[in-house]
């Protein structure tokens, strides 16, 4: 899967990163790289929660 990370610099100097394809995947960072790293980590957590656990019987 490939997702696009959109970034923008806020007026106060912070960076915001967002992945539109994943609702709620939006993070701020003090730098461009930090914002991207944070939103990527959040996206992984969101996607992991969508995976149903495997039940072994």
Protein backbone atom coordinates (compact mmCIF):
# COMPACT_ATOMS: atom_id res chain seq x y z
CA UNK A 1 0.00 0.00 0.00
CA UNK A 2 1.15 3.50 -0.71
CA UNK A 3 -0.09 6.60 1.06
CA UNK A 4 0.68 10.23 0.42
CA UNK A 5 1.82 12.40 3.32
CA UNK A 6 0.88 16.04 2.88
CA UNK A 7 2.78 18.64 4.86
CA UNK A 8 2.32 22.30 5.55
CA UNK A 9 4.09 24.84 7.71
CA UNK A 10 1.86 26.68 10.16
CA UNK A 11 2.20 30.40 10.88
CA UNK A 12 3.74 29.65 14.28
CA UNK A 13 6.55 27.61 12.65
CA UNK A 14 5.24 24.14 13.47
CA UNK A 15 4.81 21.58 10.72
CA UNK A 16 1.64 19.59 10.19
CA UNK A 17 1.60 16.25 8.38
CA UNK A 18 -1.54 14.45 7.28
CA UNK A 19 -2.47 11.27 5.43
CA UNK A 20 -5.86 11.97 3.86
CA UNK A 21 -6.55 8.30 3.12
CA UNK A 22 -6.43 7.47 6.83
CA UNK A 23 -9.01 9.41 8.86
CA UNK A 24 -7.46 10.95 11.94
CA UNK A 25 -3.87 10.61 10.72
CA UNK A 26 -2.72 14.15 11.40
CA UNK A 27 0.27 15.18 13.52
CA UNK A 28 2.30 18.26 14.35
CA UNK A 29 6.06 18.44 14.68
CA UNK A 30 8.70 21.05 15.41
CA UNK A 31 10.36 20.14 12.10
CA UNK A 32 9.23 18.77 8.76
CA UNK A 33 10.91 15.41 9.44
CA UNK A 34 9.43 15.15 12.94
CA UNK A 35 5.89 15.77 11.66
CA UNK A 36 6.32 13.09 8.99
CA UNK A 37 7.78 10.57 11.45
CA UNK A 38 4.91 11.16 13.86
CA UNK A 39 2.16 10.79 11.27
CA UNK A 40 3.78 7.63 9.88
CA UNK A 41 3.88 6.11 13.37
CA UNK A 42 0.26 7.08 13.96
CA UNK A 43 -0.79 5.61 10.60
CA UNK A 44 0.86 2.30 11.49
CA UNK A 45 -1.03 2.19 14.79
CA UNK A 46 -4.34 2.99 13.06
CA UNK A 47 -3.78 0.31 10.42
CA UNK A 48 -2.70 -2.23 13.05
CA UNK A 49 -5.95 -1.65 14.95
CA UNK A 50 -7.91 -2.45 11.79
CA UNK A 51 -6.37 -5.92 11.57
CA UNK A 52 -8.49 -8.51 13.27
CA UNK A 53 -6.62 -10.79 15.64
CA UNK A 54 -6.08 -14.35 14.51
CA UNK A 55 -7.77 -16.93 16.70
CA UNK A 56 -5.91 -20.22 16.92
CA UNK A 57 -8.01 -23.14 18.09
